[in-house]
Amino acid sequence: MKKTGLIAIVAVLLTGCVAERDFVVEYDYSYRGKFKRYDTFDFLNLGDTVNFNGLSDGMIKREIERRMISQGYKKSSKPSIYIAYKVFSNDMSFKGYDQLELESWDELYAERAENERNLEYIREAKYDTKEYQLKKGTLLIDFIDRKSHGVIWQGYASGLFDDQTYFSKDVKYAVRSILNQYRLVAASYQ
């Protein structure tokens, strides 16, 4: 009887932990990204883009920086990638895309896609639209190619933040959940 009760309590606690983290984490990328060439990054200076329930702009920036460095990217004043991020204070509809995993694209098609004309001949280089209903507190992280000024990758997490107080572990979890989707290492790290 005691053993059954203990198992039931553990099951309820685990279910609560899983339910607490009910959110959407997705990413999209541009087929025009030159992912094999990127090795440096810096942040776009957009001011405080995280004015949401006491979330700290600096906490998000530090966590992104740690992650990029761990993947071999170096911070530079003339980066190959600019990073921008924002926390949205309202629910929103968001258009995403159903694509091959980025690593598969990078391995199988990126070199062929270097020539813009080849993109139209690569069947997998299609953007199949998906609609997402993202919740208030969505964190969006964009990687922008410095030369083309185009967004080459964006990751987003919805349902991570609501009207609660935030702790640094929550910010780390949010950023890591998004950047776990960007598994490419810096060109110089390969």
C-alpha atoms as a PDB file:
ATOM      1  CA  MET A   1       0.000   0.000   0.000  1.00  0.00           C
ATOM      2  CA  LYS A   2       2.787   2.431   0.939  1.00  0.00           C
ATOM      3  CA  LYS A   3       4.682   1.556  -2.239  1.00  0.00           C
ATOM      4  CA  THR A   4       1.588   2.209  -4.402  1.00  0.00           C
ATOM      5  CA  GLY A   5       0.996   5.544  -2.654  1.00  0.00           C
ATOM      6  CA  LEU A   6       4.609   6.611  -3.188  1.00  0.00           C
ATOM      7  CA  ILE A   7       4.440   5.692  -6.883  1.00  0.00           C
ATOM      8  CA  ALA A   8       1.199   7.669  -7.259  1.00  0.00           C
ATOM      9  CA  ILE A   9       2.745  10.760  -5.612  1.00  0.00           C
ATOM     10  CA  VAL A  10       5.843  10.576  -7.826  1.00  0.00           C
ATOM     11  CA  ALA A  11       3.646  10.172 -10.936  1.00  0.00           C
ATOM     12  CA  VAL A  12       1.572  13.243  -9.985  1.00  0.00           C
ATOM     13  CA  LEU A  13       4.716  15.311  -9.372  1.00  0.00           C
ATOM     14  CA  LEU A  14       6.257  14.276 -12.691  1.00  0.00           C
ATOM     15  CA  THR A  15       3.016  15.049 -14.525  1.00  0.00           C
ATOM     16  CA  GLY A  16       2.992  18.503 -12.937  1.00  0.00           C
ATOM     17  CA  CYS A  17       6.549  19.162 -14.092  1.00  0.00           C
ATOM     18  CA  VAL A  18       5.721  18.136 -17.647  1.00  0.00           C
ATOM     19  CA  ALA A  19       2.515  20.205 -17.695  1.00  0.00           C
ATOM     20  CA  GLU A  20       4.429  23.246 -16.441  1.00  0.00           C
ATOM     21  CA  ARG A  21       6.587  23.170 -19.596  1.00  0.00           C
ATOM     22  CA  ASP A  22       3.758  22.983 -22.166  1.00  0.00           C
ATOM     23  CA  PHE A  23       5.057  25.241 -24.948  1.00  0.00           C
ATOM     24  CA  VAL A  24       5.919  25.482 -28.621  1.00  0.00           C
ATOM     25  CA  VAL A  25       9.569  25.660 -29.688  1.00  0.00           C
ATOM     26  CA  GLU A  26      10.194  25.918 -33.426  1.00  0.00           C
ATOM     27  CA  TYR A  27      12.586  27.427 -35.921  1.00  0.00           C
ATOM     28  CA  ASP A  28      12.751  28.392 -39.578  1.00  0.00           C
ATOM     29  CA  TYR A  29      15.688  29.188 -41.795  1.00  0.00           C
ATOM     30  CA  SER A  30      16.442  30.775 -45.138  1.00  0.00           C
ATOM     31  CA  TYR A  31      17.663  28.599 -47.967  1.00  0.00           C
ATOM     32  CA  ARG A  32      19.922  31.521 -48.857  1.00  0.00           C
ATOM     33  CA  GLY A  33      21.860  31.263 -45.594  1.00  0.00           C
ATOM     34  CA  LYS A  34      25.576  30.542 -45.991  1.00  0.00           C
ATOM     35  CA  PHE A  35      25.751  28.456 -42.820  1.00  0.00           C
ATOM     36  CA  LYS A  36      29.108  26.867 -43.622  1.00  0.00           C
ATOM     37  CA  ARG A  37      30.697  30.331 -43.705  1.00  0.00           C
ATOM     38  CA  TYR A  38      29.454  31.828 -40.441  1.00  0.00           C
ATOM     39  CA  ASP A  39      31.917  31.970 -37.572  1.00  0.00           C
ATOM     40  CA  THR A  40      31.425  35.297 -35.764  1.00  0.00           C
ATOM     41  CA  PHE A  41      28.474  37.077 -34.164  1.00  0.00           C
ATOM     42  CA  ASP A  42      27.398  40.251 -32.428  1.00  0.00           C
ATOM     43  CA  PHE A  43      24.113  41.690 -31.238  1.00  0.00           C
ATOM     44  CA  LEU A  44      22.092  44.330 -33.007  1.00  0.00           C
ATOM     45  CA  ASN A  45      21.743  47.270 -30.670  1.00  0.00           C
ATOM     46  CA  LEU A  46      17.971  47.616 -30.487  1.00  0.00           C
ATOM     47  CA  GLY A  47      17.753  48.884 -26.911  1.00  0.00           C
ATOM     48  CA  ASP A  48      15.783  46.952 -24.315  1.00  0.00           C
ATOM     49  CA  THR A  49      13.593  44.629 -26.400  1.00  0.00           C
ATOM     50  CA  VAL A  50      12.518  42.595 -23.407  1.00  0.00           C
ATOM     51  CA  ASN A  51      10.322  44.991 -21.444  1.00  0.00           C
ATOM     52  CA  PHE A  52       8.087  42.179 -20.207  1.00  0.00           C
ATOM     53  CA  ASN A  53       7.325  41.395 -16.565  1.00  0.00           C
ATOM     54  CA  GLY A  54      10.799  42.132 -15.287  1.00  0.00           C
ATOM     55  CA  LEU A  55      12.678  39.903 -17.702  1.00  0.00           C
ATOM     56  CA  SER A  56      16.212  41.113 -18.030  1.00  0.00           C
ATOM     57  CA  ASP A  57      17.569  41.995 -21.442  1.00  0.00           C
ATOM     58  CA  GLY A  58      21.064  41.300 -20.126  1.00  0.00           C
ATOM     59  CA  MET A  59      20.149  37.805 -18.897  1.00  0.00           C
ATOM     60  CA  ILE A  60      18.911  36.790 -22.339  1.00  0.00           C
ATOM     61  CA  LYS A  61      21.897  38.352 -24.097  1.00  0.00           C
ATOM     62  CA  ARG A  62      24.405  36.619 -21.788  1.00  0.00           C
ATOM     63  CA  GLU A  63      22.761  33.238 -22.276  1.00  0.00           C
ATOM     64  CA  ILE A  64      22.737  33.592 -26.075  1.00  0.00           C
ATOM     65  CA  GLU A  65      26.385  34.679 -25.996  1.00  0.00           C
ATOM     66  CA  ARG A  66      27.380  31.681 -23.853  1.00  0.00           C
ATOM     67  CA  ARG A  67      25.639  29.325 -26.229  1.00  0.00           C
ATOM     68  CA  MET A  68      27.161  30.808 -29.379  1.00  0.00           C
ATOM     69  CA  ILE A  69      30.667  30.657 -27.893  1.00  0.00           C
ATOM     70  CA  SER A  70      30.105  27.021 -26.875  1.00  0.00           C
ATOM     71  CA  GLN A  71      29.359  26.261 -30.549  1.00  0.00           C
ATOM     72  CA  GLY A  72      32.631  27.836 -31.662  1.00  0.00           C
ATOM     73  CA  TYR A  73      31.393  31.279 -32.698  1.00  0.00           C
ATOM     74  CA  LYS A  74      33.479  34.290 -31.713  1.00  0.00           C
ATOM     75  CA  LYS A  75      32.107  37.692 -30.802  1.00  0.00           C
ATOM     76  CA  SER A  76      33.282  40.329 -33.283  1.00  0.00           C
ATOM     77  CA  SER A  77      32.600  43.976 -34.136  1.00  0.00           C
ATOM     78  CA  LYS A  78      32.350  42.881 -37.809  1.00  0.00           C
ATOM     79  CA  PRO A  79      30.419  39.630 -37.434  1.00  0.00           C
ATOM     80  CA  SER A  80      29.113  37.280 -40.066  1.00  0.00           C
ATOM     81  CA  ILE A  81      25.865  36.999 -38.051  1.00  0.00           C
ATOM     82  CA  TYR A  82      23.974  39.686 -36.159  1.00  0.00           C
ATOM     83  CA  ILE A  83      21.635  38.454 -33.446  1.00  0.00           C
ATOM     84  CA  ALA A  84      18.386  40.171 -32.518  1.00  0.00           C
ATOM     85  CA  TYR A  85      15.799  39.002 -30.004  1.00  0.00           C
ATOM     86  CA  LYS A  86      12.497  40.149 -28.591  1.00  0.00           C
ATOM     87  CA  VAL A  87       9.909  39.046 -26.053  1.00  0.00           C
ATOM     88  CA  PHE A  88       6.360  39.777 -27.216  1.00  0.00           C
ATOM     89  CA  SER A  89       3.860  41.028 -24.655  1.00  0.00           C
ATOM     90  CA  ASN A  90       0.721  39.871 -26.519  1.00  0.00           C
ATOM     91  CA  ASP A  91      -0.634  36.679 -28.062  1.00  0.00           C
ATOM     92  CA  MET A  92      -0.082  36.579 -31.816  1.00  0.00           C
ATOM     93  CA  SER A  93      -0.478  34.577 -34.996  1.00  0.00           C
ATOM     94  CA  PHE A  94       2.850  33.661 -36.512  1.00  0.00           C
ATOM     95  CA  LYS A  95       3.716  32.233 -39.908  1.00  0.00           C
ATOM     96  CA  GLY A  96       6.389  29.547 -39.815  1.00  0.00           C
ATOM     97  CA  TYR A  97       7.557  26.949 -42.299  1.00  0.00           C
ATOM     98  CA  ASP A  98       7.693  23.184 -42.502  1.00  0.00           C
ATOM     99  CA  GLN A  99      11.250  22.492 -43.703  1.00  0.00           C
ATOM    100  CA  LEU A 100      13.955  19.864 -43.640  1.00  0.00           C
ATOM    101  CA  GLU A 101      16.012  19.883 -40.461  1.00  0.00           C
ATOM    102  CA  LEU A 102      18.654  22.588 -40.834  1.00  0.00           C
ATOM    103  CA  GLU A 103      21.526  20.117 -40.434  1.00  0.00           C
ATOM    104  CA  SER A 104      20.131  17.977 -43.276  1.00  0.00           C
ATOM    105  CA  TRP A 105      19.729  21.009 -45.532  1.00  0.00           C
ATOM    106  CA  ASP A 106      23.225  22.201 -44.720  1.00  0.00           C
ATOM    107  CA  GLU A 107      24.752  18.796 -45.409  1.00  0.00           C
ATOM    108  CA  LEU A 108      22.780  17.837 -48.519  1.00  0.00           C
ATOM    109  CA  TYR A 109      21.939  21.038 -50.378  1.00  0.00           C
ATOM    110  CA  ALA A 110      23.783  24.101 -49.065  1.00  0.00           C
ATOM    111  CA  GLU A 111      26.676  23.931 -51.517  1.00  0.00           C
ATOM    112  CA  ARG A 112      24.341  23.501 -54.493  1.00  0.00           C
ATOM    113  CA  ALA A 113      22.234  26.398 -53.228  1.00  0.00           C
ATOM    114  CA  GLU A 114      25.251  28.742 -53.149  1.00  0.00           C
ATOM    115  CA  ASN A 115      24.294  29.643 -56.709  1.00  0.00           C
ATOM    116  CA  GLU A 116      20.934  31.453 -56.413  1.00  0.00           C
ATOM    117  CA  ARG A 117      19.707  29.976 -59.711  1.00  0.00           C
ATOM    118  CA  ASN A 118      20.073  26.446 -58.333  1.00  0.00           C
ATOM    119  CA  LEU A 119      17.523  27.115 -55.577  1.00  0.00           C
ATOM    120  CA  GLU A 120      14.615  26.871 -58.006  1.00  0.00           C
ATOM    121  CA  TYR A 121      15.776  23.380 -59.048  1.00  0.00           C
ATOM    122  CA  ILE A 122      16.068  22.007 -55.525  1.00  0.00           C
ATOM    123  CA  ARG A 123      12.693  20.468 -54.750  1.00  0.00           C
ATOM    124  CA  GLU A 124      13.357  20.603 -51.005  1.00  0.00           C
ATOM    125  CA  ALA A 125      13.886  24.387 -51.155  1.00  0.00           C
ATOM    126  CA  LYS A 126      10.181  25.139 -50.811  1.00  0.00           C
ATOM    127  CA  TYR A 127       8.569  27.065 -47.996  1.00  0.00           C
ATOM    128  CA  ASP A 128       5.514  25.138 -46.789  1.00  0.00           C
ATOM    129  CA  THR A 129       3.666  27.579 -44.556  1.00  0.00           C
ATOM    130  CA  LYS A 130       2.523  26.637 -41.057  1.00  0.00           C
ATOM    131  CA  GLU A 131       0.438  28.899 -38.840  1.00  0.00           C
ATOM    132  CA  TYR A 132       1.207  29.088 -35.130  1.00  0.00           C
ATOM    133  CA  GLN A 133      -0.805  30.711 -32.374  1.00  0.00           C
ATOM    134  CA  LEU A 134       1.886  32.007 -30.052  1.00  0.00           C
ATOM    135  CA  LYS A 135       1.176  33.094 -26.502  1.00  0.00           C
ATOM    136  CA  LYS A 136       2.061  36.256 -24.668  1.00  0.00           C
ATOM    137  CA  GLY A 137       5.677  36.087 -23.558  1.00  0.00           C
ATOM    138  CA  THR A 138       6.989  34.477 -26.758  1.00  0.00           C
ATOM    139  CA  LEU A 139      10.753  34.810 -27.122  1.00  0.00           C
ATOM    140  CA  LEU A 140      11.982  35.231 -30.718  1.00  0.00           C
ATOM    141  CA  ILE A 141      15.680  35.032 -31.640  1.00  0.00           C
ATOM    142  CA  ASP A 142      16.794  36.072 -35.156  1.00  0.00           C
ATOM    143  CA  PHE A 143      20.150  35.452 -36.840  1.00  0.00           C
ATOM    144  CA  ILE A 144      20.793  38.014 -39.580  1.00  0.00           C
ATOM    145  CA  ASP A 145      23.440  37.734 -42.290  1.00  0.00           C
ATOM    146  CA  ARG A 146      25.557  40.898 -42.009  1.00  0.00           C
ATOM    147  CA  LYS A 147      26.219  41.122 -45.757  1.00  0.00           C
ATOM    148  CA  SER A 148      22.741  40.380 -47.129  1.00  0.00           C
ATOM    149  CA  HIS A 149      20.837  41.903 -44.168  1.00  0.00           C
ATOM    150  CA  GLY A 150      18.413  38.976 -44.402  1.00  0.00           C
ATOM    151  CA  VAL A 151      17.186  36.789 -41.555  1.00  0.00           C
ATOM    152  CA  ILE A 152      18.839  33.414 -42.085  1.00  0.00           C
ATOM    153  CA  TRP A 153      17.485  31.628 -39.001  1.00  0.00           C
ATOM    154  CA  GLN A 154      14.845  32.363 -36.401  1.00  0.00           C
ATOM    155  CA  GLY A 155      13.886  30.375 -33.364  1.00  0.00           C
ATOM    156  CA  TYR A 156      10.932  31.007 -31.130  1.00  0.00           C
ATOM    157  CA  ALA A 157       9.418  29.656 -27.951  1.00  0.00           C
ATOM    158  CA  SER A 158       5.845  30.296 -26.904  1.00  0.00           C
ATOM    159  CA  GLY A 159       4.349  29.530 -23.534  1.00  0.00           C
ATOM    160  CA  LEU A 160       7.592  29.881 -21.602  1.00  0.00           C
ATOM    161  CA  PHE A 161       6.732  33.169 -19.942  1.00  0.00           C
ATOM    162  CA  ASP A 162       3.422  34.351 -18.573  1.00  0.00           C
ATOM    163  CA  ASP A 163       2.451  36.628 -15.687  1.00  0.00           C
ATOM    164  CA  GLN A 164       4.839  35.036 -13.205  1.00  0.00           C
ATOM    165  CA  THR A 165       8.082  36.265 -11.712  1.00  0.00           C
ATOM    166  CA  TYR A 166      11.130  35.114 -13.643  1.00  0.00           C
ATOM    167  CA  PHE A 167      14.353  33.660 -12.443  1.00  0.00           C
ATOM    168  CA  SER A 168      17.629  33.281 -14.283  1.00  0.00           C
ATOM    169  CA  LYS A 169      16.993  29.525 -14.658  1.00  0.00           C
ATOM    170  CA  ASP A 170      13.771  30.307 -16.568  1.00  0.00           C
ATOM    171  CA  VAL A 171      15.632  32.590 -18.968  1.00  0.00           C
ATOM    172  CA  LYS A 172      18.372  29.997 -19.441  1.00  0.00           C
ATOM    173  CA  TYR A 173      15.772  27.324 -20.113  1.00  0.00           C
ATOM    174  CA  ALA A 174      13.992  29.506 -22.683  1.00  0.00           C
ATOM    175  CA  VAL A 175      17.151  30.451 -24.579  1.00  0.00           C
ATOM    176  CA  ARG A 176      18.517  26.907 -24.479  1.00  0.00           C
ATOM    177  CA  SER A 177      15.210  25.472 -25.693  1.00  0.00           C
ATOM    178  CA  ILE A 178      15.380  27.722 -28.739  1.00  0.00           C
ATOM    179  CA  LEU A 179      19.088  27.428 -29.474  1.00  0.00           C
ATOM    180  CA  ASN A 180      18.957  23.643 -29.091  1.00  0.00           C
ATOM    181  CA  GLN A 181      17.280  23.876 -32.500  1.00  0.00           C
ATOM    182  CA  TYR A 182      20.375  25.567 -33.992  1.00  0.00           C
ATOM    183  CA  ARG A 183      22.893  22.740 -33.863  1.00  0.00           C
ATOM    184  CA  LEU A 184      25.424  24.033 -36.379  1.00  0.00           C
ATOM    185  CA  VAL A 185      28.894  24.943 -35.191  1.00  0.00           C
ATOM    186  CA  ALA A 186      31.023  27.832 -36.417  1.00  0.00           C
ATOM    187  CA  ALA A 187      32.817  27.417 -39.733  1.00  0.00           C
ATOM    188  CA  SER A 188      36.204  27.704 -38.017  1.00  0.00           C
ATOM    189  CA  TYR A 189      35.168  25.074 -35.440  1.00  0.00           C
ATOM    190  CA  GLN A 190      34.575  22.250 -37.944  1.00  0.00           C
END
